[in-house]
């Protein structure tokens, strides 16, 4: 099992999500690690469409953060989808 450290705890990689933030600090997207790859660089390239665009976005202040799926459900989904939509399975 491959794991990563998030907030001081080891978490299986498959139990994590990538969240994407624009320069204004707004959450604009999220994806399972299974779709985007293991590294932040690969996740940003997936979200932006290419490694070149990912580098450009980082220079402009875009960020990618890895979070646990539990944190995504509790905090990210309601922020991105709205409270009611986030509760729908």
PDB file of N, CA and C in Angstrom:
ATOM      1  N   UNK A   1       0.847  -1.180   0.000  1.00  0.00           N
ATOM      2  CA  UNK A   1       0.000   0.000   0.000  1.00  0.00           C
ATOM      3  C   UNK A   1       0.893   1.244   0.000  1.00  0.00           C
ATOM      4  N   UNK A   2       0.600   2.122  -0.895  1.00  0.00           N
ATOM      5  CA  UNK A   2       1.317   3.384  -0.975  1.00  0.00           C
ATOM      6  C   UNK A   2       0.582   4.404  -0.122  1.00  0.00           C
ATOM      7  N   UNK A   3       1.321   5.117   0.713  1.00  0.00           N
ATOM      8  CA  UNK A   3       0.693   6.101   1.583  1.00  0.00           C
ATOM      9  C   UNK A   3       1.367   7.459   1.478  1.00  0.00           C
ATOM     10  N   UNK A   4       0.670   8.468   1.919  1.00  0.00           N
ATOM     11  CA  UNK A   4       1.190   9.835   1.961  1.00  0.00           C
ATOM     12  C   UNK A   4       0.860  10.423   3.333  1.00  0.00           C
ATOM     13  N   UNK A   5       1.647  11.401   3.731  1.00  0.00           N
ATOM     14  CA  UNK A   5       1.410  12.052   5.020  1.00  0.00           C
ATOM     15  C   UNK A   5       0.567  13.310   4.789  1.00  0.00           C
ATOM     16  N   UNK A   6      -0.573  13.362   5.465  1.00  0.00           N
ATOM     17  CA  UNK A   6      -1.450  14.528   5.414  1.00  0.00           C
ATOM     18  C   UNK A   6      -1.779  14.902   6.850  1.00  0.00           C
ATOM     19  N   UNK A   7      -1.502  16.146   7.195  1.00  0.00           N
ATOM     20  CA  UNK A   7      -1.770  16.637   8.550  1.00  0.00           C
ATOM     21  C   UNK A   7      -1.164  15.723   9.612  1.00  0.00           C
ATOM     22  N   UNK A   8       0.032  15.215   9.337  1.00  0.00           N
ATOM     23  CA  UNK A   8       0.753  14.411  10.308  1.00  0.00           C
ATOM     24  C   UNK A   8       0.377  12.942  10.358  1.00  0.00           C
ATOM     25  N   UNK A   9      -0.588  12.509   9.569  1.00  0.00           N
ATOM     26  CA  UNK A   9      -1.025  11.108   9.584  1.00  0.00           C
ATOM     27  C   UNK A   9      -0.757  10.456   8.229  1.00  0.00           C
ATOM     28  N   UNK A  10      -0.396   9.171   8.263  1.00  0.00           N
ATOM     29  CA  UNK A  10      -0.226   8.418   7.021  1.00  0.00           C
ATOM     30  C   UNK A  10      -1.607   8.003   6.516  1.00  0.00           C
ATOM     31  N   UNK A  11      -1.841   8.251   5.235  1.00  0.00           N
ATOM     32  CA  UNK A  11      -3.131   7.972   4.603  1.00  0.00           C
ATOM     33  C   UNK A  11      -2.874   7.191   3.321  1.00  0.00           C
ATOM     34  N   UNK A  12      -3.614   6.112   3.060  1.00  0.00           N
ATOM     35  CA  UNK A  12      -3.451   5.418   1.780  1.00  0.00           C
ATOM     36  C   UNK A  12      -3.745   6.380   0.626  1.00  0.00           C
ATOM     37  N   UNK A  13      -2.936   6.325  -0.403  1.00  0.00           N
ATOM     38  CA  UNK A  13      -3.090   7.230  -1.542  1.00  0.00           C
ATOM     39  C   UNK A  13      -4.503   7.168  -2.116  1.00  0.00           C
ATOM     40  N   UNK A  14      -5.082   5.993  -2.158  1.00  0.00           N
ATOM     41  CA  UNK A  14      -6.425   5.877  -2.739  1.00  0.00           C
ATOM     42  C   UNK A  14      -7.501   6.557  -1.891  1.00  0.00           C
ATOM     43  N   UNK A  15      -7.150   6.966  -0.688  1.00  0.00           N
ATOM     44  CA  UNK A  15      -8.094   7.685   0.175  1.00  0.00           C
ATOM     45  C   UNK A  15      -7.852   9.192   0.140  1.00  0.00           C
ATOM     46  N   UNK A  16      -7.248   9.667  -0.949  1.00  0.00           N
ATOM     47  CA  UNK A  16      -6.964  11.094  -1.059  1.00  0.00           C
ATOM     48  C   UNK A  16      -7.556  11.687  -2.327  1.00  0.00           C
ATOM     49  N   UNK A  17      -7.681  12.997  -2.312  1.00  0.00           N
ATOM     50  CA  UNK A  17      -8.195  13.770  -3.441  1.00  0.00           C
ATOM     51  C   UNK A  17      -7.244  14.927  -3.693  1.00  0.00           C
ATOM     52  N   UNK A  18      -7.212  15.400  -4.924  1.00  0.00           N
ATOM     53  CA  UNK A  18      -6.534  16.653  -5.243  1.00  0.00           C
ATOM     54  C   UNK A  18      -7.591  17.743  -5.330  1.00  0.00           C
ATOM     55  N   UNK A  19      -7.324  18.873  -4.703  1.00  0.00           N
ATOM     56  CA  UNK A  19      -8.207  20.027  -4.827  1.00  0.00           C
ATOM     57  C   UNK A  19      -7.458  21.127  -5.570  1.00  0.00           C
ATOM     58  N   UNK A  20      -8.162  21.867  -6.392  1.00  0.00           N
ATOM     59  CA  UNK A  20      -7.571  22.895  -7.246  1.00  0.00           C
ATOM     60  C   UNK A  20      -8.109  24.259  -6.843  1.00  0.00           C
ATOM     61  N   UNK A  21      -7.193  25.218  -6.650  1.00  0.00           N
ATOM     62  CA  UNK A  21      -7.523  26.548  -6.127  1.00  0.00           C
ATOM     63  C   UNK A  21      -7.023  27.613  -7.077  1.00  0.00           C
ATOM     64  N   UNK A  22      -7.878  28.598  -7.374  1.00  0.00           N
ATOM     65  CA  UNK A  22      -7.457  29.697  -8.249  1.00  0.00           C
ATOM     66  C   UNK A  22      -6.680  30.739  -7.435  1.00  0.00           C
ATOM     67  N   UNK A  23      -6.074  31.716  -8.092  1.00  0.00           N
ATOM     68  CA  UNK A  23      -5.266  32.703  -7.376  1.00  0.00           C
ATOM     69  C   UNK A  23      -6.035  33.508  -6.327  1.00  0.00           C
ATOM     70  N   UNK A  24      -7.351  33.592  -6.449  1.00  0.00           N
ATOM     71  CA  UNK A  24      -8.161  34.321  -5.472  1.00  0.00           C
ATOM     72  C   UNK A  24      -8.449  33.473  -4.229  1.00  0.00           C
ATOM     73  N   UNK A  25      -8.016  32.215  -4.230  1.00  0.00           N
ATOM     74  CA  UNK A  25      -8.243  31.343  -3.085  1.00  0.00           C
ATOM     75  C   UNK A  25      -9.550  30.589  -3.131  1.00  0.00           C
ATOM     76  N   UNK A  26     -10.185  30.545  -4.306  1.00  0.00           N
ATOM     77  CA  UNK A  26     -11.450  29.828  -4.461  1.00  0.00           C
ATOM     78  C   UNK A  26     -11.205  28.392  -4.920  1.00  0.00           C
ATOM     79  N   UNK A  27     -11.911  27.463  -4.322  1.00  0.00           N
ATOM     80  CA  UNK A  27     -11.876  26.074  -4.753  1.00  0.00           C
ATOM     81  C   UNK A  27     -12.599  25.973  -6.087  1.00  0.00           C
ATOM     82  N   UNK A  28     -11.931  25.449  -7.100  1.00  0.00           N
ATOM     83  CA  UNK A  28     -12.544  25.393  -8.430  1.00  0.00           C
ATOM     84  C   UNK A  28     -12.672  23.974  -8.977  1.00  0.00           C
ATOM     85  N   UNK A  29     -12.122  22.995  -8.274  1.00  0.00           N
ATOM     86  CA  UNK A  29     -12.239  21.637  -8.762  1.00  0.00           C
ATOM     87  C   UNK A  29     -11.599  20.638  -7.822  1.00  0.00           C
ATOM     88  N   UNK A  30     -11.905  19.370  -8.052  1.00  0.00           N
ATOM     89  CA  UNK A  30     -11.316  18.290  -7.261  1.00  0.00           C
ATOM     90  C   UNK A  30     -11.407  17.008  -8.061  1.00  0.00           C
ATOM     91  N   UNK A  31     -10.444  16.144  -7.827  1.00  0.00           N
ATOM     92  CA  UNK A  31     -10.425  14.848  -8.494  1.00  0.00           C
ATOM     93  C   UNK A  31      -9.731  13.831  -7.621  1.00  0.00           C
ATOM     94  N   UNK A  32     -10.138  12.599  -7.758  1.00  0.00           N
ATOM     95  CA  UNK A  32      -9.474  11.494  -7.088  1.00  0.00           C
ATOM     96  C   UNK A  32      -8.065  11.336  -7.655  1.00  0.00           C
ATOM     97  N   UNK A  33      -7.153  10.907  -6.822  1.00  0.00           N
ATOM     98  CA  UNK A  33      -5.782  10.656  -7.265  1.00  0.00           C
ATOM     99  C   UNK A  33      -5.760   9.634  -8.405  1.00  0.00           C
ATOM    100  N   UNK A  34      -6.713   8.711  -8.419  1.00  0.00           N
ATOM    101  CA  UNK A  34      -6.773   7.693  -9.476  1.00  0.00           C
ATOM    102  C   UNK A  34      -6.889   8.315 -10.864  1.00  0.00           C
ATOM    103  N   UNK A  35      -7.541   9.470 -10.985  1.00  0.00           N
ATOM    104  CA  UNK A  35      -7.714  10.128 -12.274  1.00  0.00           C
ATOM    105  C   UNK A  35      -6.524  10.988 -12.674  1.00  0.00           C
ATOM    106  N   UNK A  36      -5.852  11.570 -11.699  1.00  0.00           N
ATOM    107  CA  UNK A  36      -4.902  12.634 -11.997  1.00  0.00           C
ATOM    108  C   UNK A  36      -3.449  12.271 -11.812  1.00  0.00           C
ATOM    109  N   UNK A  37      -3.145  11.213 -11.099  1.00  0.00           N
ATOM    110  CA  UNK A  37      -1.761  10.857 -10.841  1.00  0.00           C
ATOM    111  C   UNK A  37      -1.356  11.170  -9.415  1.00  0.00           C
ATOM    112  N   UNK A  38      -0.230  10.654  -9.067  1.00  0.00           N
ATOM    113  CA  UNK A  38       0.243  10.668  -7.691  1.00  0.00           C
ATOM    114  C   UNK A  38       0.848  12.002  -7.275  1.00  0.00           C
ATOM    115  N   UNK A  39       1.485  12.718  -8.173  1.00  0.00           N
ATOM    116  CA  UNK A  39       2.202  13.940  -7.794  1.00  0.00           C
ATOM    117  C   UNK A  39       1.365  15.192  -8.040  1.00  0.00           C
ATOM    118  N   UNK A  40       1.700  16.228  -7.301  1.00  0.00           N
ATOM    119  CA  UNK A  40       1.014  17.513  -7.478  1.00  0.00           C
ATOM    120  C   UNK A  40       1.228  18.041  -8.892  1.00  0.00           C
ATOM    121  N   UNK A  41       2.418  17.817  -9.442  1.00  0.00           N
ATOM    122  CA  UNK A  41       2.709  18.281 -10.802  1.00  0.00           C
ATOM    123  C   UNK A  41       1.807  17.594 -11.823  1.00  0.00           C
ATOM    124  N   UNK A  42       1.642  16.288 -11.683  1.00  0.00           N
ATOM    125  CA  UNK A  42       0.770  15.552 -12.611  1.00  0.00           C
ATOM    126  C   UNK A  42      -0.691  15.960 -12.437  1.00  0.00           C
ATOM    127  N   UNK A  43      -1.095  16.185 -11.185  1.00  0.00           N
ATOM    128  CA  UNK A  43      -2.472  16.604 -10.931  1.00  0.00           C
ATOM    129  C   UNK A  43      -2.744  17.966 -11.565  1.00  0.00           C
ATOM    130  N   UNK A  44      -1.811  18.900 -11.402  1.00  0.00           N
ATOM    131  CA  UNK A  44      -1.991  20.232 -11.983  1.00  0.00           C
ATOM    132  C   UNK A  44      -2.007  20.149 -13.511  1.00  0.00           C
ATOM    133  N   UNK A  45      -1.143  19.323 -14.090  1.00  0.00           N
ATOM    134  CA  UNK A  45      -1.123  19.158 -15.546  1.00  0.00           C
ATOM    135  C   UNK A  45      -2.444  18.554 -16.027  1.00  0.00           C
ATOM    136  N   UNK A  46      -2.987  17.600 -15.281  1.00  0.00           N
ATOM    137  CA  UNK A  46      -4.268  17.011 -15.656  1.00  0.00           C
ATOM    138  C   UNK A  46      -5.350  18.091 -15.640  1.00  0.00           C
ATOM    139  N   UNK A  47      -5.379  18.892 -14.581  1.00  0.00           N
ATOM    140  CA  UNK A  47      -6.418  19.902 -14.438  1.00  0.00           C
ATOM    141  C   UNK A  47      -6.296  20.994 -15.497  1.00  0.00           C
ATOM    142  N   UNK A  48      -5.081  21.410 -15.789  1.00  0.00           N
ATOM    143  CA  UNK A  48      -4.852  22.511 -16.732  1.00  0.00           C
ATOM    144  C   UNK A  48      -4.765  22.040 -18.187  1.00  0.00           C
ATOM    145  N   UNK A  49      -4.609  20.748 -18.406  1.00  0.00           N
ATOM    146  CA  UNK A  49      -4.584  20.223 -19.768  1.00  0.00           C
ATOM    147  C   UNK A  49      -3.212  19.875 -20.298  1.00  0.00           C
ATOM    148  N   UNK A  50      -2.147  20.415 -19.698  1.00  0.00           N
ATOM    149  CA  UNK A  50      -0.792  20.073 -20.134  1.00  0.00           C
ATOM    150  C   UNK A  50       0.206  20.523 -19.074  1.00  0.00           C
ATOM    151  N   UNK A  51       1.402  19.972 -19.143  1.00  0.00           N
ATOM    152  CA  UNK A  51       2.448  20.382 -18.210  1.00  0.00           C
ATOM    153  C   UNK A  51       2.817  21.849 -18.420  1.00  0.00           C
ATOM    154  N   UNK A  52       2.833  22.282 -19.654  1.00  0.00           N
ATOM    155  CA  UNK A  52       3.161  23.683 -19.948  1.00  0.00           C
ATOM    156  C   UNK A  52       2.143  24.628 -19.311  1.00  0.00           C
ATOM    157  N   UNK A  53       0.861  24.325 -19.482  1.00  0.00           N
ATOM    158  CA  UNK A  53      -0.185  25.162 -18.892  1.00  0.00           C
ATOM    159  C   UNK A  53      -0.144  25.097 -17.363  1.00  0.00           C
ATOM    160  N   UNK A  54       0.224  23.936 -16.841  1.00  0.00           N
ATOM    161  CA  UNK A  54       0.333  23.802 -15.388  1.00  0.00           C
ATOM    162  C   UNK A  54       1.438  24.705 -14.841  1.00  0.00           C
ATOM    163  N   UNK A  55       2.575  24.742 -15.494  1.00  0.00           N
ATOM    164  CA  UNK A  55       3.673  25.625 -15.053  1.00  0.00           C
ATOM    165  C   UNK A  55       3.242  27.083 -15.115  1.00  0.00           C
ATOM    166  N   UNK A  56       2.558  27.446 -16.182  1.00  0.00           N
ATOM    167  CA  UNK A  56       2.062  28.818 -16.338  1.00  0.00           C
ATOM    168  C   UNK A  56       1.061  29.158 -15.219  1.00  0.00           C
ATOM    169  N   UNK A  57       0.164  28.240 -14.931  1.00  0.00           N
ATOM    170  CA  UNK A  57      -0.840  28.466 -13.889  1.00  0.00           C
ATOM    171  C   UNK A  57      -0.190  28.631 -12.518  1.00  0.00           C
ATOM    172  N   UNK A  58       0.800  27.809 -12.226  1.00  0.00           N
ATOM    173  CA  UNK A  58       1.497  27.933 -10.935  1.00  0.00           C
ATOM    174  C   UNK A  58       2.156  29.303 -10.797  1.00  0.00           C
ATOM    175  N   UNK A  59       2.756  29.769 -11.863  1.00  0.00           N
ATOM    176  CA  UNK A  59       3.381  31.105 -11.819  1.00  0.00           C
ATOM    177  C   UNK A  59       2.339  32.190 -11.551  1.00  0.00           C
ATOM    178  N   UNK A  60       1.113  31.954 -11.982  1.00  0.00           N
ATOM    179  CA  UNK A  60       0.042  32.942 -11.790  1.00  0.00           C
ATOM    180  C   UNK A  60      -0.678  32.773 -10.453  1.00  0.00           C
ATOM    181  N   UNK A  61      -0.284  31.782  -9.676  1.00  0.00           N
ATOM    182  CA  UNK A  61      -0.872  31.626  -8.352  1.00  0.00           C
ATOM    183  C   UNK A  61      -1.860  30.498  -8.162  1.00  0.00           C
ATOM    184  N   UNK A  62      -2.094  29.675  -9.176  1.00  0.00           N
ATOM    185  CA  UNK A  62      -2.965  28.517  -9.020  1.00  0.00           C
ATOM    186  C   UNK A  62      -2.259  27.502  -8.133  1.00  0.00           C
ATOM    187  N   UNK A  63      -3.035  26.756  -7.343  1.00  0.00           N
ATOM    188  CA  UNK A  63      -2.470  25.761  -6.443  1.00  0.00           C
ATOM    189  C   UNK A  63      -3.255  24.464  -6.512  1.00  0.00           C
ATOM    190  N   UNK A  64      -2.575  23.388  -6.158  1.00  0.00           N
ATOM    191  CA  UNK A  64      -3.205  22.087  -6.011  1.00  0.00           C
ATOM    192  C   UNK A  64      -2.831  21.589  -4.618  1.00  0.00           C
ATOM    193  N   UNK A  65      -3.811  21.021  -3.911  1.00  0.00           N
ATOM    194  CA  UNK A  65      -3.562  20.503  -2.567  1.00  0.00           C
ATOM    195  C   UNK A  65      -4.150  19.109  -2.462  1.00  0.00           C
ATOM    196  N   UNK A  66      -3.415  18.222  -1.794  1.00  0.00           N
ATOM    197  CA  UNK A  66      -3.927  16.877  -1.550  1.00  0.00           C
ATOM    198  C   UNK A  66      -4.650  16.892  -0.205  1.00  0.00           C
ATOM    199  N   UNK A  67      -5.855  16.334  -0.179  1.00  0.00           N
ATOM    200  CA  UNK A  67      -6.635  16.222   1.056  1.00  0.00           C
ATOM    201  C   UNK A  67      -7.184  14.806   1.162  1.00  0.00           C
ATOM    202  N   UNK A  68      -7.588  14.421   2.350  1.00  0.00           N
ATOM    203  CA  UNK A  68      -8.230  13.116   2.499  1.00  0.00           C
ATOM    204  C   UNK A  68      -9.635  13.184   1.909  1.00  0.00           C
ATOM    205  N   UNK A  69     -10.142  12.034   1.507  1.00  0.00           N
ATOM    206  CA  UNK A  69     -11.517  11.999   0.996  1.00  0.00           C
ATOM    207  C   UNK A  69     -12.497  12.430   2.078  1.00  0.00           C
ATOM    208  N   UNK A  70     -12.206  12.096   3.335  1.00  0.00           N
ATOM    209  CA  UNK A  70     -13.088  12.509   4.432  1.00  0.00           C
ATOM    210  C   UNK A  70     -13.132  14.036   4.537  1.00  0.00           C
ATOM    211  N   UNK A  71     -11.977  14.679   4.399  1.00  0.00           N
ATOM    212  CA  UNK A  71     -11.965  16.152   4.458  1.00  0.00           C
ATOM    213  C   UNK A  71     -12.692  16.732   3.251  1.00  0.00           C
ATOM    214  N   UNK A  72     -12.523  16.108   2.083  1.00  0.00           N
ATOM    215  CA  UNK A  72     -13.223  16.565   0.891  1.00  0.00           C
ATOM    216  C   UNK A  72     -14.727  16.532   1.111  1.00  0.00           C
ATOM    217  N   UNK A  73     -15.237  15.415   1.647  1.00  0.00           N
ATOM    218  CA  UNK A  73     -16.671  15.277   1.878  1.00  0.00           C
ATOM    219  C   UNK A  73     -17.157  16.316   2.885  1.00  0.00           C
ATOM    220  N   UNK A  74     -16.375  16.538   3.944  1.00  0.00           N
ATOM    221  CA  UNK A  74     -16.789  17.453   5.005  1.00  0.00           C
ATOM    222  C   UNK A  74     -16.668  18.925   4.614  1.00  0.00           C
ATOM    223  N   UNK A  75     -15.601  19.269   3.862  1.00  0.00           N
ATOM    224  CA  UNK A  75     -15.323  20.680   3.596  1.00  0.00           C
ATOM    225  C   UNK A  75     -15.364  21.067   2.115  1.00  0.00           C
ATOM    226  N   UNK A  76     -14.726  20.277   1.280  1.00  0.00           N
ATOM    227  CA  UNK A  76     -14.591  20.652  -0.129  1.00  0.00           C
ATOM    228  C   UNK A  76     -15.868  20.534  -0.928  1.00  0.00           C
ATOM    229  N   UNK A  77     -16.537  19.401  -0.820  1.00  0.00           N
ATOM    230  CA  UNK A  77     -17.752  19.189  -1.609  1.00  0.00           C
ATOM    231  C   UNK A  77     -18.813  20.250  -1.323  1.00  0.00           C
ATOM    232  N   UNK A  78     -19.089  20.561  -0.050  1.00  0.00           N
ATOM    233  CA  UNK A  78     -20.083  21.614   0.196  1.00  0.00           C
ATOM    234  C   UNK A  78     -19.664  22.967  -0.378  1.00  0.00           C
ATOM    235  N   UNK A  79     -18.366  23.251  -0.345  1.00  0.00           N
ATOM    236  CA  UNK A  79     -17.868  24.530  -0.860  1.00  0.00           C
ATOM    237  C   UNK A  79     -18.045  24.609  -2.380  1.00  0.00           C
ATOM    238  N   UNK A  80     -17.751  23.504  -3.052  1.00  0.00           N
ATOM    239  CA  UNK A  80     -17.790  23.493  -4.510  1.00  0.00           C
ATOM    240  C   UNK A  80     -19.189  23.213  -5.058  1.00  0.00           C
ATOM    241  N   UNK A  81     -19.916  22.317  -4.413  1.00  0.00           N
ATOM    242  CA  UNK A  81     -21.197  21.858  -4.946  1.00  0.00           C
ATOM    243  C   UNK A  81     -22.413  22.460  -4.256  1.00  0.00           C
ATOM    244  N   UNK A  82     -22.204  23.069  -3.109  1.00  0.00           N
ATOM    245  CA  UNK A  82     -23.316  23.548  -2.299  1.00  0.00           C
ATOM    246  C   UNK A  82     -23.691  22.494  -1.280  1.00  0.00           C
ATOM    247  N   UNK A  83     -24.225  22.915  -0.170  1.00  0.00           N
ATOM    248  CA  UNK A  83     -24.520  22.021   0.938  1.00  0.00           C
ATOM    249  C   UNK A  83     -25.413  20.841   0.543  1.00  0.00           C
ATOM    250  N   UNK A  84     -26.511  21.103  -0.128  1.00  0.00           N
ATOM    251  CA  UNK A  84     -27.462  20.034  -0.466  1.00  0.00           C
ATOM    252  C   UNK A  84     -26.900  19.075  -1.493  1.00  0.00           C
ATOM    253  N   UNK A  85     -26.247  19.598  -2.510  1.00  0.00           N
ATOM    254  CA  UNK A  85     -25.679  18.736  -3.540  1.00  0.00           C
ATOM    255  C   UNK A  85     -24.599  17.831  -2.974  1.00  0.00           C
ATOM    256  N   UNK A  86     -23.826  18.341  -2.037  1.00  0.00           N
ATOM    257  CA  UNK A  86     -22.743  17.558  -1.439  1.00  0.00           C
ATOM    258  C   UNK A  86     -23.283  16.380  -0.626  1.00  0.00           C
ATOM    259  N   UNK A  87     -24.494  16.483  -0.130  1.00  0.00           N
ATOM    260  CA  UNK A  87     -25.081  15.405   0.678  1.00  0.00           C
ATOM    261  C   UNK A  87     -25.647  14.288  -0.189  1.00  0.00           C
ATOM    262  N   UNK A  88     -25.851  14.552  -1.460  1.00  0.00           N
ATOM    263  CA  UNK A  88     -26.434  13.562  -2.369  1.00  0.00           C
ATOM    264  C   UNK A  88     -25.373  12.559  -2.792  1.00  0.00           C
ATOM    265  N   UNK A  89     -25.625  11.261  -2.592  1.00  0.00           N
ATOM    266  CA  UNK A  89     -24.616  10.254  -2.971  1.00  0.00           C
ATOM    267  C   UNK A  89     -24.381  10.193  -4.464  1.00  0.00           C
TER     268      UNK A  89
END
